[in-house]
N, C-alpha and C. Protein backbone atom coordinates (compact mmCIF):
# COMPACT_ATOMS: atom_id res chain seq x y z
N MET A 1 91.95 109.80 101.90
CA MET A 1 91.62 110.18 100.52
C MET A 1 91.75 111.69 100.34
N LYS A 2 91.37 112.48 101.39
CA LYS A 2 91.42 113.93 101.27
C LYS A 2 92.84 114.41 101.06
N HIS A 3 93.80 113.80 101.76
CA HIS A 3 95.19 114.24 101.65
C HIS A 3 95.74 113.99 100.26
N HIS A 4 95.46 112.80 99.68
CA HIS A 4 96.04 112.54 98.36
C HIS A 4 95.40 113.41 97.30
N LYS A 5 94.12 113.82 97.51
CA LYS A 5 93.52 114.75 96.55
C LYS A 5 94.19 116.12 96.63
N VAL A 6 94.56 116.54 97.85
CA VAL A 6 95.25 117.81 98.01
C VAL A 6 96.59 117.78 97.31
N VAL A 7 97.36 116.68 97.50
CA VAL A 7 98.67 116.58 96.86
C VAL A 7 98.53 116.55 95.34
N LEU A 8 97.55 115.79 94.83
CA LEU A 8 97.34 115.72 93.39
C LEU A 8 96.98 117.08 92.82
N THR A 9 96.09 117.82 93.53
CA THR A 9 95.70 119.14 93.07
C THR A 9 96.90 120.08 93.04
N LEU A 10 97.75 120.01 94.08
CA LEU A 10 98.95 120.84 94.12
C LEU A 10 99.90 120.49 92.98
N ALA A 11 100.09 119.19 92.75
CA ALA A 11 101.00 118.78 91.68
C ALA A 11 100.49 119.22 90.31
N LEU A 12 99.19 119.10 90.08
CA LEU A 12 98.62 119.53 88.81
C LEU A 12 98.75 121.04 88.64
N SER A 13 98.58 121.78 89.74
CA SER A 13 98.74 123.22 89.70
C SER A 13 100.17 123.60 89.34
N LEU A 14 101.14 122.87 89.93
CA LEU A 14 102.54 123.14 89.62
C LEU A 14 102.83 122.87 88.14
N ALA A 15 102.29 121.76 87.62
CA ALA A 15 102.52 121.44 86.22
C ALA A 15 101.90 122.50 85.31
N THR A 16 100.68 122.97 85.66
CA THR A 16 100.03 124.01 84.88
C THR A 16 100.83 125.30 84.91
N ALA A 17 101.36 125.63 86.10
CA ALA A 17 102.19 126.82 86.21
C ALA A 17 103.45 126.69 85.38
N SER A 18 103.99 125.49 85.33
CA SER A 18 105.19 125.27 84.52
C SER A 18 104.91 125.55 83.05
N TRP A 19 103.79 125.05 82.57
CA TRP A 19 103.41 125.29 81.16
C TRP A 19 103.26 126.78 80.91
N ALA A 20 102.61 127.49 81.85
CA ALA A 20 102.38 128.92 81.66
C ALA A 20 103.69 129.69 81.66
N CYS A 21 104.58 129.35 82.59
CA CYS A 21 105.88 130.02 82.65
C CYS A 21 106.67 129.79 81.38
N ALA A 22 106.60 128.57 80.87
CA ALA A 22 107.35 128.26 79.66
C ALA A 22 106.81 129.05 78.47
N ALA A 23 105.50 129.22 78.43
CA ALA A 23 104.91 129.95 77.32
C ALA A 23 105.33 131.41 77.34
N LEU A 24 105.60 131.94 78.55
CA LEU A 24 105.99 133.33 78.68
C LEU A 24 107.50 133.53 78.67
N ALA A 25 108.24 132.44 78.68
CA ALA A 25 109.70 132.54 78.78
C ALA A 25 110.26 133.28 77.56
N GLN A 26 111.22 134.15 77.83
CA GLN A 26 111.82 134.92 76.74
C GLN A 26 112.91 134.13 76.03
N ASP A 27 113.55 133.21 76.75
CA ASP A 27 114.66 132.46 76.17
C ASP A 27 114.11 131.23 75.47
N ALA A 28 113.66 131.40 74.25
CA ALA A 28 112.99 130.32 73.53
C ALA A 28 113.75 129.91 72.28
N HIS A 29 115.07 130.23 72.22
CA HIS A 29 115.85 129.87 71.05
C HIS A 29 116.02 128.37 70.95
N PRO A 30 115.91 127.79 69.77
CA PRO A 30 116.08 126.35 69.64
C PRO A 30 117.52 125.96 69.92
N THR A 31 117.71 124.80 70.54
CA THR A 31 119.04 124.29 70.84
C THR A 31 119.11 122.83 70.45
N ALA A 32 120.33 122.36 70.25
CA ALA A 32 120.51 120.94 69.96
C ALA A 32 120.15 120.13 71.19
N THR A 33 119.64 118.93 70.98
CA THR A 33 119.18 118.09 72.08
C THR A 33 119.94 116.78 72.09
N ARG A 34 120.38 116.35 73.25
CA ARG A 34 121.08 115.08 73.35
C ARG A 34 120.15 113.94 72.99
N GLN A 35 120.68 112.94 72.30
CA GLN A 35 119.88 111.78 71.95
C GLN A 35 119.60 110.91 73.17
N LEU A 36 120.60 110.76 74.04
CA LEU A 36 120.40 110.05 75.30
C LEU A 36 120.80 110.98 76.44
N GLN A 37 120.15 110.80 77.57
CA GLN A 37 120.38 111.69 78.70
C GLN A 37 120.31 110.88 79.99
N LEU A 38 121.32 111.01 80.84
CA LEU A 38 121.38 110.29 82.10
C LEU A 38 121.37 111.28 83.25
N SER A 39 120.53 111.03 84.25
CA SER A 39 120.47 111.92 85.40
C SER A 39 120.17 111.12 86.67
N ALA A 40 120.49 111.73 87.79
CA ALA A 40 120.19 111.16 89.10
C ALA A 40 119.55 112.25 89.95
N PHE A 41 118.72 111.84 90.91
CA PHE A 41 118.05 112.83 91.75
C PHE A 41 117.89 112.33 93.17
N GLY A 42 117.70 113.26 94.07
CA GLY A 42 117.44 112.94 95.47
C GLY A 42 116.70 114.08 96.12
N GLY A 43 115.92 113.77 97.15
CA GLY A 43 115.17 114.81 97.83
C GLY A 43 114.47 114.29 99.07
N VAL A 44 113.74 115.17 99.72
CA VAL A 44 112.97 114.82 100.90
C VAL A 44 111.49 114.80 100.52
N SER A 45 110.76 113.89 101.15
CA SER A 45 109.34 113.69 100.80
C SER A 45 108.47 113.72 102.05
N GLY A 46 107.34 114.37 101.93
CA GLY A 46 106.28 114.26 102.91
C GLY A 46 105.25 113.28 102.39
N VAL A 47 104.95 112.24 103.16
CA VAL A 47 104.08 111.15 102.70
C VAL A 47 102.86 111.04 103.60
N PHE A 48 101.69 111.06 103.01
CA PHE A 48 100.45 110.67 103.69
C PHE A 48 100.21 109.21 103.32
N THR A 49 100.31 108.32 104.29
CA THR A 49 100.32 106.89 103.98
C THR A 49 98.96 106.33 103.57
N GLY A 50 97.88 107.04 103.88
CA GLY A 50 96.55 106.56 103.51
C GLY A 50 95.93 105.63 104.52
N LEU A 51 96.61 105.39 105.65
CA LEU A 51 96.09 104.49 106.67
C LEU A 51 95.88 105.27 107.96
N GLU A 52 94.62 105.60 108.27
CA GLU A 52 94.24 106.28 109.50
C GLU A 52 95.06 107.55 109.75
N GLY A 53 95.28 108.31 108.70
CA GLY A 53 95.99 109.58 108.84
C GLY A 53 97.48 109.45 109.06
N GLY A 54 98.06 108.30 108.74
CA GLY A 54 99.49 108.11 108.94
C GLY A 54 100.33 109.04 108.08
N LYS A 55 101.47 109.47 108.62
CA LYS A 55 102.38 110.38 107.92
C LYS A 55 103.81 109.89 108.09
N ASN A 56 104.63 110.09 107.06
CA ASN A 56 106.06 109.79 107.11
C ASN A 56 106.85 110.98 106.58
N PHE A 57 108.03 111.18 107.13
CA PHE A 57 109.04 112.04 106.53
C PHE A 57 110.07 111.11 105.93
N SER A 58 110.27 111.20 104.60
CA SER A 58 111.04 110.18 103.88
C SER A 58 112.11 110.80 103.00
N VAL A 59 113.01 109.94 102.55
CA VAL A 59 114.04 110.31 101.58
C VAL A 59 113.74 109.57 100.28
N THR A 60 113.77 110.29 99.16
CA THR A 60 113.52 109.69 97.85
C THR A 60 114.73 109.93 96.96
N ALA A 61 115.16 108.89 96.23
CA ALA A 61 116.29 109.02 95.32
C ALA A 61 116.07 108.10 94.13
N GLY A 62 116.69 108.44 93.01
CA GLY A 62 116.51 107.60 91.83
C GLY A 62 117.36 108.07 90.67
N GLY A 63 117.09 107.49 89.52
CA GLY A 63 117.82 107.82 88.30
C GLY A 63 116.93 107.72 87.09
N ASP A 64 117.31 108.43 86.02
CA ASP A 64 116.53 108.47 84.80
C ASP A 64 117.44 108.28 83.59
N LEU A 65 116.96 107.54 82.62
CA LEU A 65 117.63 107.42 81.33
C LEU A 65 116.68 107.97 80.27
N GLY A 66 116.99 109.16 79.77
CA GLY A 66 116.16 109.79 78.76
C GLY A 66 116.48 109.23 77.38
N LEU A 67 115.46 108.87 76.64
CA LEU A 67 115.59 108.32 75.29
C LEU A 67 115.52 109.46 74.26
N PRO A 68 115.80 109.18 73.00
CA PRO A 68 115.76 110.26 72.00
C PRO A 68 114.41 110.97 71.97
N PRO A 69 114.42 112.30 71.93
CA PRO A 69 113.16 113.06 71.95
C PRO A 69 112.43 112.97 70.62
N PHE A 70 111.10 113.20 70.68
CA PHE A 70 110.27 113.17 69.49
C PHE A 70 109.17 114.21 69.64
N ARG A 71 109.16 115.19 68.74
CA ARG A 71 108.13 116.23 68.72
C ARG A 71 108.00 116.94 70.06
N GLY A 72 109.10 117.29 70.66
CA GLY A 72 109.08 118.04 71.91
C GLY A 72 108.84 117.21 73.15
N LEU A 73 108.80 115.89 73.00
CA LEU A 73 108.61 114.99 74.13
C LEU A 73 109.81 114.07 74.26
N ARG A 74 110.22 113.79 75.49
CA ARG A 74 111.30 112.84 75.69
C ARG A 74 110.82 111.69 76.58
N PRO A 75 110.65 110.48 76.03
CA PRO A 75 110.33 109.32 76.88
C PRO A 75 111.56 108.98 77.74
N THR A 76 111.31 108.66 78.98
CA THR A 76 112.39 108.44 79.94
C THR A 76 112.08 107.22 80.79
N ILE A 77 113.08 106.38 80.99
CA ILE A 77 112.96 105.23 81.90
C ILE A 77 113.44 105.67 83.27
N GLU A 78 112.58 105.48 84.27
CA GLU A 78 112.91 105.96 85.61
C GLU A 78 112.86 104.82 86.62
N ILE A 79 113.76 104.91 87.61
CA ILE A 79 113.71 104.04 88.78
C ILE A 79 113.90 104.92 90.00
N ARG A 80 113.10 104.68 91.04
CA ARG A 80 113.20 105.50 92.26
C ARG A 80 112.87 104.65 93.48
N GLY A 81 113.46 105.04 94.59
CA GLY A 81 113.17 104.38 95.85
C GLY A 81 112.86 105.41 96.92
N THR A 82 111.99 105.04 97.84
CA THR A 82 111.62 105.92 98.95
C THR A 82 111.80 105.16 100.25
N TYR A 83 112.46 105.81 101.22
CA TYR A 83 112.73 105.17 102.51
C TYR A 83 112.36 106.15 103.62
N PRO A 84 111.59 105.68 104.64
CA PRO A 84 111.16 106.60 105.70
C PRO A 84 112.30 106.95 106.64
N ALA A 85 112.48 108.24 106.90
CA ALA A 85 113.46 108.69 107.89
C ALA A 85 112.90 108.55 109.30
N ASP A 86 111.58 108.54 109.43
CA ASP A 86 110.93 108.24 110.70
C ASP A 86 109.91 107.14 110.45
N HIS A 87 109.46 106.48 111.49
CA HIS A 87 108.59 105.32 111.33
C HIS A 87 107.11 105.65 111.51
N GLY A 88 106.79 106.91 111.77
CA GLY A 88 105.40 107.29 111.85
C GLY A 88 104.69 106.70 113.06
N LEU A 89 103.56 107.27 113.41
CA LEU A 89 102.79 106.78 114.55
C LEU A 89 101.90 105.61 114.15
N ILE A 90 101.49 105.54 112.88
CA ILE A 90 100.59 104.49 112.42
C ILE A 90 101.36 103.44 111.62
N ASP A 91 102.03 103.87 110.58
CA ASP A 91 102.78 102.95 109.73
C ASP A 91 103.89 103.72 109.02
N SER A 92 104.82 102.98 108.43
CA SER A 92 105.86 103.57 107.59
C SER A 92 105.92 102.77 106.30
N GLN A 93 106.24 103.48 105.21
CA GLN A 93 106.23 102.85 103.89
C GLN A 93 107.58 103.04 103.21
N LYS A 94 108.11 101.95 102.67
CA LYS A 94 109.29 102.05 101.81
C LYS A 94 108.99 101.29 100.53
N SER A 95 109.59 101.76 99.43
CA SER A 95 109.22 101.21 98.12
C SER A 95 110.36 101.36 97.14
N ILE A 96 110.30 100.54 96.09
CA ILE A 96 111.17 100.65 94.92
C ILE A 96 110.27 100.56 93.70
N LEU A 97 110.34 101.56 92.83
CA LEU A 97 109.44 101.66 91.70
C LEU A 97 110.22 101.93 90.42
N GLY A 98 109.66 101.52 89.31
CA GLY A 98 110.25 101.81 88.01
C GLY A 98 109.17 101.95 86.97
N GLY A 99 109.49 102.61 85.86
CA GLY A 99 108.49 102.76 84.82
C GLY A 99 108.85 103.85 83.83
N LEU A 100 107.82 104.45 83.25
CA LEU A 100 107.98 105.41 82.17
C LEU A 100 107.64 106.82 82.64
N ARG A 101 108.50 107.75 82.25
CA ARG A 101 108.26 109.17 82.47
C ARG A 101 108.31 109.86 81.11
N VAL A 102 107.50 110.89 80.92
CA VAL A 102 107.52 111.67 79.68
C VAL A 102 107.82 113.12 80.03
N ASP A 103 108.94 113.64 79.50
CA ASP A 103 109.34 115.03 79.71
C ASP A 103 108.80 115.89 78.57
N PHE A 104 108.33 117.10 78.93
CA PHE A 104 107.88 118.08 77.95
C PHE A 104 109.00 119.11 77.78
N LEU A 105 109.65 119.10 76.63
CA LEU A 105 110.82 119.94 76.39
C LEU A 105 110.36 121.31 75.92
N LEU A 106 109.98 122.16 76.87
CA LEU A 106 109.38 123.44 76.53
C LEU A 106 110.42 124.52 76.26
N ASN A 107 111.48 124.58 77.08
CA ASN A 107 112.54 125.54 76.85
C ASN A 107 113.82 125.05 77.52
N ARG A 108 114.82 125.92 77.62
CA ARG A 108 116.12 125.48 78.12
C ARG A 108 116.11 125.13 79.60
N ARG A 109 115.26 125.77 80.38
CA ARG A 109 115.38 125.66 81.83
C ARG A 109 114.27 124.86 82.51
N LEU A 110 113.09 124.86 81.96
CA LEU A 110 111.93 124.29 82.65
C LEU A 110 111.38 123.10 81.89
N ARG A 111 111.27 121.95 82.58
CA ARG A 111 110.77 120.73 81.95
C ARG A 111 109.76 120.04 82.85
N PRO A 112 108.47 120.27 82.64
CA PRO A 112 107.47 119.49 83.36
C PRO A 112 107.41 118.06 82.83
N TYR A 113 106.88 117.16 83.64
CA TYR A 113 106.80 115.76 83.22
C TYR A 113 105.62 115.07 83.92
N GLY A 114 105.25 113.94 83.35
CA GLY A 114 104.29 113.04 83.97
C GLY A 114 104.88 111.64 83.96
N ASP A 115 104.49 110.80 84.92
CA ASP A 115 105.05 109.45 84.98
C ASP A 115 104.02 108.42 85.40
N PHE A 116 104.31 107.18 85.04
CA PHE A 116 103.55 106.02 85.52
C PHE A 116 104.57 104.98 85.95
N LEU A 117 104.49 104.57 87.22
CA LEU A 117 105.47 103.67 87.81
C LEU A 117 104.78 102.49 88.47
N PHE A 118 105.52 101.41 88.64
CA PHE A 118 105.01 100.26 89.38
C PHE A 118 106.18 99.57 90.06
N GLY A 119 105.87 98.77 91.09
CA GLY A 119 106.94 98.09 91.81
C GLY A 119 106.42 97.42 93.07
N ARG A 120 107.29 97.35 94.07
CA ARG A 120 106.98 96.67 95.32
C ARG A 120 107.22 97.61 96.49
N GLY A 121 106.49 97.36 97.57
CA GLY A 121 106.65 98.17 98.76
C GLY A 121 106.41 97.36 100.02
N GLN A 122 106.85 97.93 101.13
CA GLN A 122 106.66 97.29 102.43
C GLN A 122 106.12 98.31 103.41
N MET A 123 105.09 97.92 104.15
CA MET A 123 104.53 98.74 105.21
C MET A 123 104.86 98.09 106.56
N ASN A 124 105.49 98.86 107.43
CA ASN A 124 105.75 98.43 108.79
C ASN A 124 104.83 99.20 109.73
N TYR A 125 104.36 98.53 110.77
CA TYR A 125 103.39 99.14 111.67
C TYR A 125 104.05 99.43 113.02
N GLY A 126 103.31 100.07 113.91
CA GLY A 126 103.86 100.53 115.18
C GLY A 126 104.37 99.40 116.06
N LEU A 127 104.85 99.77 117.24
CA LEU A 127 105.45 98.79 118.16
C LEU A 127 104.47 97.69 118.54
N THR A 128 103.21 98.00 118.61
CA THR A 128 102.20 97.00 118.97
C THR A 128 101.49 96.43 117.75
N GLY A 129 101.95 96.77 116.54
CA GLY A 129 101.32 96.27 115.34
C GLY A 129 100.05 97.02 115.00
N TYR A 130 99.40 96.60 113.93
CA TYR A 130 98.16 97.22 113.50
C TYR A 130 97.04 96.18 113.60
N HIS A 131 95.98 96.52 114.34
CA HIS A 131 94.88 95.59 114.62
C HIS A 131 93.79 95.77 113.58
N PHE A 132 93.48 94.69 112.86
CA PHE A 132 92.41 94.74 111.88
C PHE A 132 91.83 93.35 111.67
N ASP A 133 90.49 93.25 111.77
CA ASP A 133 89.76 92.01 111.47
C ASP A 133 90.31 90.82 112.27
N ASN A 134 90.51 91.05 113.57
CA ASN A 134 90.97 90.01 114.51
C ASN A 134 92.40 89.53 114.24
N TYR A 135 93.16 90.31 113.49
CA TYR A 135 94.57 90.00 113.26
C TYR A 135 95.42 91.18 113.70
N ILE A 136 96.66 90.88 114.01
CA ILE A 136 97.63 91.93 114.32
C ILE A 136 98.73 91.88 113.26
N TYR A 137 98.87 92.97 112.51
CA TYR A 137 99.85 93.04 111.43
C TYR A 137 101.11 93.76 111.91
N SER A 138 102.26 93.16 111.67
CA SER A 138 103.52 93.83 111.97
C SER A 138 104.14 94.44 110.71
N LEU A 139 103.94 93.77 109.56
CA LEU A 139 104.37 94.32 108.27
C LEU A 139 103.62 93.61 107.16
N THR A 140 103.52 94.30 106.02
CA THR A 140 102.96 93.70 104.81
C THR A 140 103.82 94.14 103.63
N THR A 141 103.95 93.26 102.65
CA THR A 141 104.61 93.61 101.39
C THR A 141 103.60 93.45 100.27
N THR A 142 103.69 94.30 99.26
CA THR A 142 102.66 94.32 98.25
C THR A 142 103.16 95.01 96.98
N TYR A 143 102.38 94.88 95.91
CA TYR A 143 102.64 95.61 94.67
C TYR A 143 102.16 97.05 94.82
N ILE A 144 102.69 97.93 93.98
CA ILE A 144 102.30 99.34 93.98
C ILE A 144 102.14 99.80 92.53
N ASP A 145 101.07 100.52 92.25
CA ASP A 145 100.92 101.30 91.02
C ASP A 145 100.97 102.76 91.41
N ALA A 146 101.65 103.59 90.61
CA ALA A 146 101.78 105.00 90.95
C ALA A 146 101.72 105.86 89.71
N GLY A 147 101.24 107.06 89.88
CA GLY A 147 101.25 108.06 88.82
C GLY A 147 101.48 109.42 89.41
N GLY A 148 102.12 110.31 88.65
CA GLY A 148 102.38 111.62 89.19
C GLY A 148 102.84 112.61 88.15
N VAL A 149 103.08 113.83 88.61
CA VAL A 149 103.57 114.92 87.77
C VAL A 149 104.63 115.69 88.55
N GLY A 150 105.42 116.47 87.84
CA GLY A 150 106.41 117.30 88.48
C GLY A 150 107.14 118.14 87.45
N PHE A 151 108.22 118.79 87.89
CA PHE A 151 109.05 119.52 86.94
C PHE A 151 110.47 119.63 87.48
N ASP A 152 111.41 119.78 86.54
CA ASP A 152 112.81 120.11 86.84
C ASP A 152 113.06 121.52 86.31
N TYR A 153 113.72 122.33 87.15
CA TYR A 153 114.06 123.69 86.73
C TYR A 153 115.56 123.87 86.90
N ASP A 154 116.26 124.17 85.78
CA ASP A 154 117.71 124.23 85.78
C ASP A 154 118.24 125.41 86.60
N LEU A 155 119.22 125.10 87.46
CA LEU A 155 119.99 126.13 88.13
C LEU A 155 121.31 126.37 87.40
N THR A 156 121.90 125.30 86.91
CA THR A 156 123.13 125.37 86.12
C THR A 156 122.98 124.39 84.96
N GLU A 157 124.06 124.21 84.21
CA GLU A 157 124.06 123.25 83.11
C GLU A 157 123.76 121.83 83.59
N HIS A 158 124.18 121.51 84.81
CA HIS A 158 124.06 120.14 85.31
C HIS A 158 123.06 119.96 86.45
N VAL A 159 122.75 121.01 87.18
CA VAL A 159 121.95 120.88 88.40
C VAL A 159 120.59 121.56 88.22
N ALA A 160 119.54 120.85 88.66
CA ALA A 160 118.17 121.37 88.57
C ALA A 160 117.43 121.13 89.88
N VAL A 161 116.53 122.03 90.19
CA VAL A 161 115.59 121.82 91.30
C VAL A 161 114.48 120.90 90.81
N LYS A 162 114.09 119.95 91.64
CA LYS A 162 113.02 119.02 91.30
C LYS A 162 111.86 119.19 92.27
N VAL A 163 110.65 119.31 91.73
CA VAL A 163 109.41 119.31 92.51
C VAL A 163 108.51 118.23 91.94
N ASP A 164 107.98 117.36 92.79
CA ASP A 164 107.36 116.12 92.32
C ASP A 164 106.20 115.74 93.24
N GLY A 165 105.11 115.27 92.65
CA GLY A 165 103.97 114.75 93.42
C GLY A 165 103.53 113.41 92.86
N GLN A 166 103.26 112.43 93.73
CA GLN A 166 102.88 111.08 93.31
C GLN A 166 101.67 110.60 94.11
N ILE A 167 100.83 109.83 93.44
CA ILE A 167 99.75 109.09 94.09
C ILE A 167 100.04 107.61 93.90
N GLU A 168 100.03 106.83 94.98
CA GLU A 168 100.36 105.41 94.91
C GLU A 168 99.21 104.56 95.42
N ARG A 169 98.93 103.48 94.70
CA ARG A 169 97.93 102.51 95.13
C ARG A 169 98.66 101.27 95.64
N TRP A 170 98.46 100.99 96.92
CA TRP A 170 99.07 99.82 97.57
C TRP A 170 98.02 98.73 97.70
N GLY A 171 98.35 97.51 97.26
CA GLY A 171 97.45 96.37 97.44
C GLY A 171 97.81 95.60 98.71
N SER A 172 97.02 94.59 99.02
CA SER A 172 97.25 93.72 100.19
C SER A 172 97.42 94.52 101.48
N ALA A 173 96.56 95.51 101.66
CA ALA A 173 96.62 96.35 102.85
C ALA A 173 95.57 95.89 103.87
N PRO A 174 95.81 96.15 105.16
CA PRO A 174 94.84 95.75 106.19
C PRO A 174 93.66 96.72 106.26
N THR A 175 92.86 96.74 105.20
CA THR A 175 91.66 97.56 105.12
C THR A 175 90.53 96.71 104.55
N ALA A 176 89.33 97.22 104.63
CA ALA A 176 88.18 96.47 104.12
C ALA A 176 88.29 96.21 102.62
N SER A 177 88.83 97.16 101.87
CA SER A 177 88.97 97.00 100.42
C SER A 177 90.24 96.24 100.04
N GLY A 178 91.16 96.10 100.98
CA GLY A 178 92.44 95.47 100.68
C GLY A 178 93.42 96.39 99.98
N ARG A 179 93.10 97.68 99.88
CA ARG A 179 93.97 98.66 99.22
C ARG A 179 94.02 99.93 100.04
N ILE A 180 95.10 100.67 99.86
CA ILE A 180 95.17 102.04 100.35
C ILE A 180 95.79 102.91 99.26
N PHE A 181 95.51 104.21 99.33
CA PHE A 181 96.08 105.18 98.41
C PHE A 181 96.92 106.16 99.21
N SER A 182 98.21 106.15 98.96
CA SER A 182 99.10 107.10 99.63
C SER A 182 99.48 108.20 98.67
N SER A 183 99.94 109.32 99.21
CA SER A 183 100.35 110.45 98.39
C SER A 183 101.64 111.01 98.94
N ALA A 184 102.49 111.49 98.04
CA ALA A 184 103.80 111.99 98.44
C ALA A 184 104.16 113.22 97.63
N GLY A 185 104.70 114.22 98.32
CA GLY A 185 105.25 115.40 97.67
C GLY A 185 106.75 115.46 97.95
N THR A 186 107.55 115.68 96.92
CA THR A 186 109.01 115.65 97.04
C THR A 186 109.62 116.92 96.50
N ILE A 187 110.63 117.44 97.18
CA ILE A 187 111.44 118.53 96.67
C ILE A 187 112.90 118.15 96.84
N GLY A 188 113.70 118.40 95.80
CA GLY A 188 115.09 117.99 95.86
C GLY A 188 115.88 118.55 94.70
N LEU A 189 116.98 117.88 94.36
CA LEU A 189 117.87 118.29 93.29
C LEU A 189 118.07 117.13 92.31
N ALA A 190 118.25 117.46 91.05
CA ALA A 190 118.60 116.49 90.03
C ALA A 190 119.94 116.89 89.42
N TYR A 191 120.76 115.89 89.11
CA TYR A 191 122.05 116.14 88.47
C TYR A 191 122.04 115.47 87.10
N TYR A 192 122.35 116.25 86.06
CA TYR A 192 122.38 115.76 84.68
C TYR A 192 123.83 115.56 84.25
N PHE A 193 124.16 114.34 83.89
CA PHE A 193 125.51 114.02 83.47
C PHE A 193 125.73 114.51 82.03
N SER A 194 126.93 114.96 81.75
CA SER A 194 127.25 115.52 80.44
C SER A 194 128.15 114.56 79.68
N PHE A 195 127.74 114.21 78.46
CA PHE A 195 128.54 113.37 77.57
C PHE A 195 129.09 114.16 76.40
N ASP A 196 128.46 115.28 76.08
CA ASP A 196 128.89 116.12 74.96
C ASP A 196 128.60 117.57 75.31
N PRO A 197 129.61 118.35 75.67
CA PRO A 197 129.37 119.73 76.11
C PRO A 197 128.78 120.63 75.04
N ARG A 198 128.76 120.20 73.78
CA ARG A 198 128.19 121.02 72.72
C ARG A 198 126.68 120.97 72.70
N HIS A 199 126.08 120.01 73.38
CA HIS A 199 124.64 119.82 73.33
C HIS A 199 124.04 120.04 74.70
N ARG A 200 122.89 120.70 74.70
CA ARG A 200 122.13 120.84 75.92
C ARG A 200 121.07 119.75 75.98
N ARG A 201 120.18 119.86 76.95
CA ARG A 201 119.16 118.86 77.14
C ARG A 201 118.18 118.82 75.97
């Protein structure tokens, strides 16, 4: 629980800093905004699995379809997957999630966002399995609810740096409550596809 609180605090701090930077940004001229926006992203993630201090180094990738903006907000449909590059000493987690993201269109370069995602995941345990309540678990599959914050910062017209933090609730876990809460921090790149060069994001 302590690890996911640290990640959540960091992610909220990053989002707050994004708002502050945007408020101070000098380049605040209004620009035309695309009605639809398609992007893809990928990055590396540090994951605290929530089970006895388990940790994973993972790869996260996904795509977003931004819908027409309204009052400085852009609702976005997102899908993302996370796959462990290592299997961890306790457990490893892989997942596929989808849901709604909301982008805050503050200026040309910086866009903080918040999201709510859900989907399915699989936890694999060590070579000898995970011992709990007189059972030995080799893997479990379960539903996941997730929420998080992050931001994209443009490097070019098409490429942006992505910083992202997520908290995930896994059900059907080998714990007394039947749930675990994992946390993940991701840094990577996003690519924005261009359909009309006259319009920016």
